[in-house]
Amino acid sequence: MKLLLNVVFVLICFSSCVRRQYLPNDSKYNSIATLNDSIWYGTGKINRIISPGERIEDSKLIDLYIQTDIPYKGLSAGPNKPTHNGCVDSDCIVTQSLLIQNIPLKKGKYRLGKLMKLTESSYPGRFEYIGNSGGVNKRYLDTGSKSNWVRINKIDKNTGFVDGQIAFTFKEDSALFARIDNDMPLYLEFKNCLFRIKIKDVFLK
């Protein structure tokens, strides 16, 4: 309960003060936000993809992936035993995930729709509700709105940590096969997101 109150306090401060742009050092989770006006938290990863023969310093784009085990309406109870750790622990049954691809590794605010030109994917941003056994139950995609963005606030070259913010409204992917009907809204609103995540270099063979 105390942890939840701390997350609430951080989000309130962020909403009321524009200058509050950094995740507190004592946060248990490296990513926090509000999802459809509810408290949301998770554990994120940032991958910098290094192609064969490419130097690390020449790789200028990163992929951001955040996951959590927060339950949602319509989530089945089995076969796996649910976890409740925000995916901080490796023992985590993922229920929700956010992926944003090809973010410039440079301080600045980037519209998700423009990142589409930098990736092979038709949608550089996607949010998914995942079933207990790993299948995708719901998917929400970037609409191209100017209000959908990711901001890189700080890059610590000594530690490899990246601080940033995210805000977007995605629309349900009606083309997803066998999606569940659980009365979730057509649009998903993700805002007030703060993250501090360490870069991991992934070398392609």
C-alpha atoms as a PDB file:
ATOM      1  CA  MET A   1       0.000   0.000   0.000  1.00  0.00           C
ATOM      2  CA  LYS A   2       2.838   2.348   0.895  1.00  0.00           C
ATOM      3  CA  LEU A   3       4.469   1.653  -2.480  1.00  0.00           C
ATOM      4  CA  LEU A   4       1.232   2.455  -4.309  1.00  0.00           C
ATOM      5  CA  LEU A   5       0.903   5.743  -2.409  1.00  0.00           C
ATOM      6  CA  ASN A   6       4.458   6.648  -3.406  1.00  0.00           C
ATOM      7  CA  VAL A   7       3.648   6.032  -7.077  1.00  0.00           C
ATOM      8  CA  VAL A   8       0.485   8.141  -6.762  1.00  0.00           C
ATOM      9  CA  PHE A   9       2.471  10.967  -5.150  1.00  0.00           C
ATOM     10  CA  VAL A  10       5.044  10.953  -7.974  1.00  0.00           C
ATOM     11  CA  LEU A  11       2.337  11.064 -10.660  1.00  0.00           C
ATOM     12  CA  ILE A  12       0.501  13.905  -8.937  1.00  0.00           C
ATOM     13  CA  CYS A  13       3.704  15.902  -8.709  1.00  0.00           C
ATOM     14  CA  PHE A  14       4.432  15.235 -12.372  1.00  0.00           C
ATOM     15  CA  SER A  15       0.965  16.366 -13.452  1.00  0.00           C
ATOM     16  CA  SER A  16       1.041  19.539 -11.382  1.00  0.00           C
ATOM     17  CA  CYS A  17       4.573  20.604 -12.145  1.00  0.00           C
ATOM     18  CA  VAL A  18       5.871  20.697 -15.703  1.00  0.00           C
ATOM     19  CA  ARG A  19       9.470  20.772 -14.518  1.00  0.00           C
ATOM     20  CA  ARG A  20       9.046  17.383 -12.807  1.00  0.00           C
ATOM     21  CA  GLN A  21      10.447  15.367 -15.679  1.00  0.00           C
ATOM     22  CA  TYR A  22      12.636  12.743 -14.037  1.00  0.00           C
ATOM     23  CA  LEU A  23      11.888   9.477 -12.300  1.00  0.00           C
ATOM     24  CA  PRO A  24      12.768   9.656  -8.572  1.00  0.00           C
ATOM     25  CA  ASN A  25      15.951   7.826  -7.622  1.00  0.00           C
ATOM     26  CA  ASP A  26      14.115   5.720  -5.052  1.00  0.00           C
ATOM     27  CA  SER A  27      11.434   4.430  -7.432  1.00  0.00           C
ATOM     28  CA  LYS A  28      11.064   0.640  -7.318  1.00  0.00           C
ATOM     29  CA  TYR A  29      10.050   0.585 -10.975  1.00  0.00           C
ATOM     30  CA  ASN A  30      12.048   2.106 -13.807  1.00  0.00           C
ATOM     31  CA  SER A  31       8.802   3.117 -15.556  1.00  0.00           C
ATOM     32  CA  ILE A  32       5.591   4.631 -14.146  1.00  0.00           C
ATOM     33  CA  ALA A  33       2.556   6.194 -15.827  1.00  0.00           C
ATOM     34  CA  THR A  34      -1.221   6.505 -15.841  1.00  0.00           C
ATOM     35  CA  LEU A  35      -3.173   4.205 -18.141  1.00  0.00           C
ATOM     36  CA  ASN A  36      -6.762   5.308 -18.800  1.00  0.00           C
ATOM     37  CA  ASP A  37      -6.547   7.342 -15.565  1.00  0.00           C
ATOM     38  CA  SER A  38      -5.337   4.353 -13.510  1.00  0.00           C
ATOM     39  CA  ILE A  39      -1.929   3.930 -11.884  1.00  0.00           C
ATOM     40  CA  TRP A  40       0.433   1.951 -14.104  1.00  0.00           C
ATOM     41  CA  TYR A  41       3.995   0.747 -13.512  1.00  0.00           C
ATOM     42  CA  GLY A  42       6.402  -1.690 -15.090  1.00  0.00           C
ATOM     43  CA  THR A  43       9.943  -2.640 -15.941  1.00  0.00           C
ATOM     44  CA  GLY A  44      11.498  -1.384 -19.139  1.00  0.00           C
ATOM     45  CA  LYS A  45      14.395  -2.273 -21.405  1.00  0.00           C
ATOM     46  CA  ILE A  46      16.206  -0.142 -23.960  1.00  0.00           C
ATOM     47  CA  ASN A  47      18.031  -1.945 -26.739  1.00  0.00           C
ATOM     48  CA  ARG A  48      20.565  -0.349 -29.032  1.00  0.00           C
ATOM     49  CA  ILE A  49      20.851  -2.597 -32.082  1.00  0.00           C
ATOM     50  CA  ILE A  50      24.374  -2.947 -33.484  1.00  0.00           C
ATOM     51  CA  SER A  51      24.528  -4.334 -37.015  1.00  0.00           C
ATOM     52  CA  PRO A  52      27.475  -6.507 -38.139  1.00  0.00           C
ATOM     53  CA  GLY A  53      30.505  -4.303 -38.761  1.00  0.00           C
ATOM     54  CA  GLU A  54      28.828  -1.241 -37.204  1.00  0.00           C
ATOM     55  CA  ARG A  55      30.553   0.679 -34.437  1.00  0.00           C
ATOM     56  CA  ILE A  56      28.603   1.277 -31.223  1.00  0.00           C
ATOM     57  CA  GLU A  57      29.057   5.036 -31.496  1.00  0.00           C
ATOM     58  CA  ASP A  58      27.526   4.971 -34.993  1.00  0.00           C
ATOM     59  CA  SER A  59      24.273   3.362 -33.829  1.00  0.00           C
ATOM     60  CA  LYS A  60      21.901   6.260 -33.213  1.00  0.00           C
ATOM     61  CA  LEU A  61      18.532   4.536 -32.649  1.00  0.00           C
ATOM     62  CA  ILE A  62      17.076   2.628 -29.691  1.00  0.00           C
ATOM     63  CA  ASP A  63      14.041   0.415 -29.082  1.00  0.00           C
ATOM     64  CA  LEU A  64      12.054   0.871 -25.861  1.00  0.00           C
ATOM     65  CA  TYR A  65      10.129  -2.058 -24.394  1.00  0.00           C
ATOM     66  CA  ILE A  66       8.162  -1.854 -21.122  1.00  0.00           C
ATOM     67  CA  GLN A  67       6.246  -4.756 -19.588  1.00  0.00           C
ATOM     68  CA  THR A  68       4.190  -5.384 -16.471  1.00  0.00           C
ATOM     69  CA  ASP A  69       2.085  -8.082 -14.825  1.00  0.00           C
ATOM     70  CA  ILE A  70      -0.824  -5.860 -13.759  1.00  0.00           C
ATOM     71  CA  PRO A  71      -4.083  -7.815 -14.308  1.00  0.00           C
ATOM     72  CA  TYR A  72      -6.899  -6.534 -16.527  1.00  0.00           C
ATOM     73  CA  LYS A  73     -10.534  -7.360 -17.210  1.00  0.00           C
ATOM     74  CA  GLY A  74     -10.883 -10.576 -19.180  1.00  0.00           C
ATOM     75  CA  LEU A  75      -7.470 -12.002 -18.241  1.00  0.00           C
ATOM     76  CA  SER A  76      -7.705 -15.766 -17.712  1.00  0.00           C
ATOM     77  CA  ALA A  77      -6.480 -17.255 -14.435  1.00  0.00           C
ATOM     78  CA  GLY A  78      -4.358 -20.051 -15.916  1.00  0.00           C
ATOM     79  CA  PRO A  79      -2.463 -22.114 -16.778  1.00  0.00           C
ATOM     80  CA  ASN A  80       0.363 -20.020 -15.318  1.00  0.00           C
ATOM     81  CA  LYS A  81       0.237 -18.682 -11.783  1.00  0.00           C
ATOM     82  CA  PRO A  82      -0.088 -14.862 -11.916  1.00  0.00           C
ATOM     83  CA  THR A  83       2.736 -12.729 -10.529  1.00  0.00           C
ATOM     84  CA  HIS A  84       2.516  -9.336  -8.828  1.00  0.00           C
ATOM     85  CA  ASN A  85       5.932  -7.698  -9.040  1.00  0.00           C
ATOM     86  CA  GLY A  86       5.669  -5.240 -11.942  1.00  0.00           C
ATOM     87  CA  CYS A  87       8.133  -7.506 -13.773  1.00  0.00           C
ATOM     88  CA  VAL A  88      10.974  -6.261 -11.587  1.00  0.00           C
ATOM     89  CA  ASP A  89      11.754  -9.933 -10.934  1.00  0.00           C
ATOM     90  CA  SER A  90      12.641 -12.377 -13.678  1.00  0.00           C
ATOM     91  CA  ASP A  91       9.751 -14.510 -12.432  1.00  0.00           C
ATOM     92  CA  CYS A  92       7.041 -12.521 -14.198  1.00  0.00           C
ATOM     93  CA  ILE A  93       3.949 -13.503 -16.158  1.00  0.00           C
ATOM     94  CA  VAL A  94       3.654 -10.538 -18.533  1.00  0.00           C
ATOM     95  CA  THR A  95       0.121  -9.178 -19.012  1.00  0.00           C
ATOM     96  CA  GLN A  96       0.767  -5.826 -20.726  1.00  0.00           C
ATOM     97  CA  SER A  97       3.571  -4.509 -22.896  1.00  0.00           C
ATOM     98  CA  LEU A  98       4.546  -1.308 -24.680  1.00  0.00           C
ATOM     99  CA  LEU A  99       6.968  -1.179 -27.604  1.00  0.00           C
ATOM    100  CA  ILE A 100       8.299   1.961 -29.275  1.00  0.00           C
ATOM    101  CA  GLN A 101      10.908   1.426 -31.974  1.00  0.00           C
ATOM    102  CA  ASN A 102      13.654   3.504 -33.527  1.00  0.00           C
ATOM    103  CA  ILE A 103      13.834   6.361 -31.038  1.00  0.00           C
ATOM    104  CA  PRO A 104      16.770   8.686 -31.791  1.00  0.00           C
ATOM    105  CA  LEU A 105      19.411   8.380 -29.082  1.00  0.00           C
ATOM    106  CA  LYS A 106      19.531  12.126 -28.662  1.00  0.00           C
ATOM    107  CA  LYS A 107      17.875  14.600 -26.333  1.00  0.00           C
ATOM    108  CA  GLY A 108      14.612  15.840 -27.803  1.00  0.00           C
ATOM    109  CA  LYS A 109      10.885  15.254 -28.243  1.00  0.00           C
ATOM    110  CA  TYR A 110       9.871  12.896 -31.038  1.00  0.00           C
ATOM    111  CA  ARG A 111       6.452  12.373 -32.556  1.00  0.00           C
ATOM    112  CA  LEU A 112       5.705   8.657 -32.893  1.00  0.00           C
ATOM    113  CA  GLY A 113       4.181   9.080 -36.339  1.00  0.00           C
ATOM    114  CA  LYS A 114       7.465  10.442 -37.683  1.00  0.00           C
ATOM    115  CA  LEU A 115       9.364   7.458 -36.315  1.00  0.00           C
ATOM    116  CA  MET A 116       7.349   5.360 -38.757  1.00  0.00           C
ATOM    117  CA  LYS A 117       9.704   6.532 -41.507  1.00  0.00           C
ATOM    118  CA  LEU A 118      12.661   5.085 -39.607  1.00  0.00           C
ATOM    119  CA  THR A 119      11.353   1.558 -39.064  1.00  0.00           C
ATOM    120  CA  GLU A 120      10.268  -1.382 -41.191  1.00  0.00           C
ATOM    121  CA  SER A 121       7.161  -1.702 -39.035  1.00  0.00           C
ATOM    122  CA  SER A 122       4.005   0.127 -40.124  1.00  0.00           C
ATOM    123  CA  TYR A 123       3.479   1.132 -36.489  1.00  0.00           C
ATOM    124  CA  PRO A 124       6.509   2.171 -34.448  1.00  0.00           C
ATOM    125  CA  GLY A 125       4.351   2.265 -31.308  1.00  0.00           C
ATOM    126  CA  ARG A 126       2.104  -0.491 -29.981  1.00  0.00           C
ATOM    127  CA  PHE A 127       0.549  -1.483 -26.673  1.00  0.00           C
ATOM    128  CA  GLU A 128      -0.642  -5.051 -26.091  1.00  0.00           C
ATOM    129  CA  TYR A 129      -2.705  -6.909 -23.521  1.00  0.00           C
ATOM    130  CA  ILE A 130      -1.225 -10.378 -23.249  1.00  0.00           C
ATOM    131  CA  GLY A 131      -2.967 -13.590 -22.210  1.00  0.00           C
ATOM    132  CA  ASN A 132      -1.794 -15.823 -19.385  1.00  0.00           C
ATOM    133  CA  SER A 133      -0.258 -18.287 -21.830  1.00  0.00           C
ATOM    134  CA  GLY A 134       1.435 -15.589 -23.926  1.00  0.00           C
ATOM    135  CA  GLY A 135      -0.998 -14.817 -26.749  1.00  0.00           C
ATOM    136  CA  VAL A 136      -2.051 -11.262 -27.608  1.00  0.00           C
ATOM    137  CA  ASN A 137      -5.624 -10.518 -26.451  1.00  0.00           C
ATOM    138  CA  LYS A 138      -5.764  -6.839 -27.438  1.00  0.00           C
ATOM    139  CA  ARG A 139      -3.500  -4.552 -29.408  1.00  0.00           C
ATOM    140  CA  TYR A 140      -3.547  -0.752 -29.623  1.00  0.00           C
ATOM    141  CA  LEU A 141      -1.620   1.139 -32.313  1.00  0.00           C
ATOM    142  CA  ASP A 142      -0.358   4.648 -32.928  1.00  0.00           C
ATOM    143  CA  THR A 143      -2.886   6.829 -34.758  1.00  0.00           C
ATOM    144  CA  GLY A 144      -0.350   9.311 -36.097  1.00  0.00           C
ATOM    145  CA  SER A 145      -1.583  12.050 -33.774  1.00  0.00           C
ATOM    146  CA  LYS A 146       0.756  14.930 -32.961  1.00  0.00           C
ATOM    147  CA  SER A 147      -0.001  14.337 -29.279  1.00  0.00           C
ATOM    148  CA  ASN A 148       1.675  10.908 -29.396  1.00  0.00           C
ATOM    149  CA  TRP A 149       5.306  11.389 -28.470  1.00  0.00           C
ATOM    150  CA  VAL A 150       8.377  10.196 -26.623  1.00  0.00           C
ATOM    151  CA  ARG A 151      10.914  12.589 -25.132  1.00  0.00           C
ATOM    152  CA  ILE A 152      14.521  11.868 -24.267  1.00  0.00           C
ATOM    153  CA  ASN A 153      15.457  14.168 -21.400  1.00  0.00           C
ATOM    154  CA  LYS A 154      18.893  12.918 -20.394  1.00  0.00           C
ATOM    155  CA  ILE A 155      21.512  10.447 -21.557  1.00  0.00           C
ATOM    156  CA  ASP A 156      24.157   9.601 -18.970  1.00  0.00           C
ATOM    157  CA  LYS A 157      27.156   8.424 -20.979  1.00  0.00           C
ATOM    158  CA  ASN A 158      28.956   7.268 -17.834  1.00  0.00           C
ATOM    159  CA  THR A 159      26.219   4.960 -16.534  1.00  0.00           C
ATOM    160  CA  GLY A 160      24.336   4.264 -19.763  1.00  0.00           C
ATOM    161  CA  PHE A 161      20.977   5.320 -18.308  1.00  0.00           C
ATOM    162  CA  VAL A 162      18.375   7.193 -20.356  1.00  0.00           C
ATOM    163  CA  ASP A 163      15.697   9.398 -18.750  1.00  0.00           C
ATOM    164  CA  GLY A 164      12.538  10.240 -20.624  1.00  0.00           C
ATOM    165  CA  GLN A 165       8.791  10.718 -20.862  1.00  0.00           C
ATOM    166  CA  ILE A 166       5.993   9.225 -22.964  1.00  0.00           C
ATOM    167  CA  ALA A 167       2.429  10.295 -23.757  1.00  0.00           C
ATOM    168  CA  PHE A 168       0.017   8.915 -26.347  1.00  0.00           C
ATOM    169  CA  THR A 169      -3.505   7.846 -27.267  1.00  0.00           C
ATOM    170  CA  PHE A 170      -3.619   4.627 -29.294  1.00  0.00           C
ATOM    171  CA  LYS A 171      -6.565   3.010 -31.102  1.00  0.00           C
ATOM    172  CA  GLU A 172      -7.528  -0.658 -30.898  1.00  0.00           C
ATOM    173  CA  ASP A 173      -6.275  -2.822 -33.747  1.00  0.00           C
ATOM    174  CA  SER A 174      -9.501  -4.221 -35.174  1.00  0.00           C
ATOM    175  CA  ALA A 175      -7.539  -6.477 -37.526  1.00  0.00           C
ATOM    176  CA  LEU A 176      -6.089  -8.550 -34.672  1.00  0.00           C
ATOM    177  CA  PHE A 177      -7.312 -12.127 -35.059  1.00  0.00           C
ATOM    178  CA  ALA A 178      -9.198 -13.689 -32.107  1.00  0.00           C
ATOM    179  CA  ARG A 179      -9.011 -10.576 -29.927  1.00  0.00           C
ATOM    180  CA  ILE A 180     -11.088 -10.767 -26.751  1.00  0.00           C
ATOM    181  CA  ASP A 181     -14.250  -8.751 -26.196  1.00  0.00           C
ATOM    182  CA  ASN A 182     -13.892  -7.412 -22.656  1.00  0.00           C
ATOM    183  CA  ASP A 183     -15.558  -3.987 -22.912  1.00  0.00           C
ATOM    184  CA  MET A 184     -12.248  -2.147 -23.035  1.00  0.00           C
ATOM    185  CA  PRO A 185     -12.429   1.305 -24.633  1.00  0.00           C
ATOM    186  CA  LEU A 186     -11.687   1.812 -28.323  1.00  0.00           C
ATOM    187  CA  TYR A 187      -8.903   4.236 -27.427  1.00  0.00           C
ATOM    188  CA  LEU A 188      -6.150   3.700 -24.876  1.00  0.00           C
ATOM    189  CA  GLU A 189      -4.678   6.746 -23.132  1.00  0.00           C
ATOM    190  CA  PHE A 190      -1.155   6.449 -21.731  1.00  0.00           C
ATOM    191  CA  LYS A 191       0.260   9.588 -20.145  1.00  0.00           C
ATOM    192  CA  ASN A 192       2.504  11.045 -17.425  1.00  0.00           C
ATOM    193  CA  CYS A 193       5.038   8.318 -18.138  1.00  0.00           C
ATOM    194  CA  LEU A 194       8.478   8.719 -16.618  1.00  0.00           C
ATOM    195  CA  PHE A 195      11.276   6.241 -17.189  1.00  0.00           C
ATOM    196  CA  ARG A 196      14.946   5.739 -16.392  1.00  0.00           C
ATOM    197  CA  ILE A 197      16.364   2.713 -18.149  1.00  0.00           C
ATOM    198  CA  LYS A 198      19.891   1.506 -18.874  1.00  0.00           C
ATOM    199  CA  ILE A 199      20.872   0.932 -22.501  1.00  0.00           C
ATOM    200  CA  LYS A 200      21.684  -2.627 -23.526  1.00  0.00           C
ATOM    201  CA  ASP A 201      23.735  -3.126 -26.661  1.00  0.00           C
ATOM    202  CA  VAL A 202      22.456  -5.962 -28.837  1.00  0.00           C
ATOM    203  CA  PHE A 203      24.926  -7.164 -31.441  1.00  0.00           C
ATOM    204  CA  LEU A 204      23.402  -8.782 -34.511  1.00  0.00           C
ATOM    205  CA  LYS A 205      25.301 -11.665 -36.078  1.00  0.00           C
END
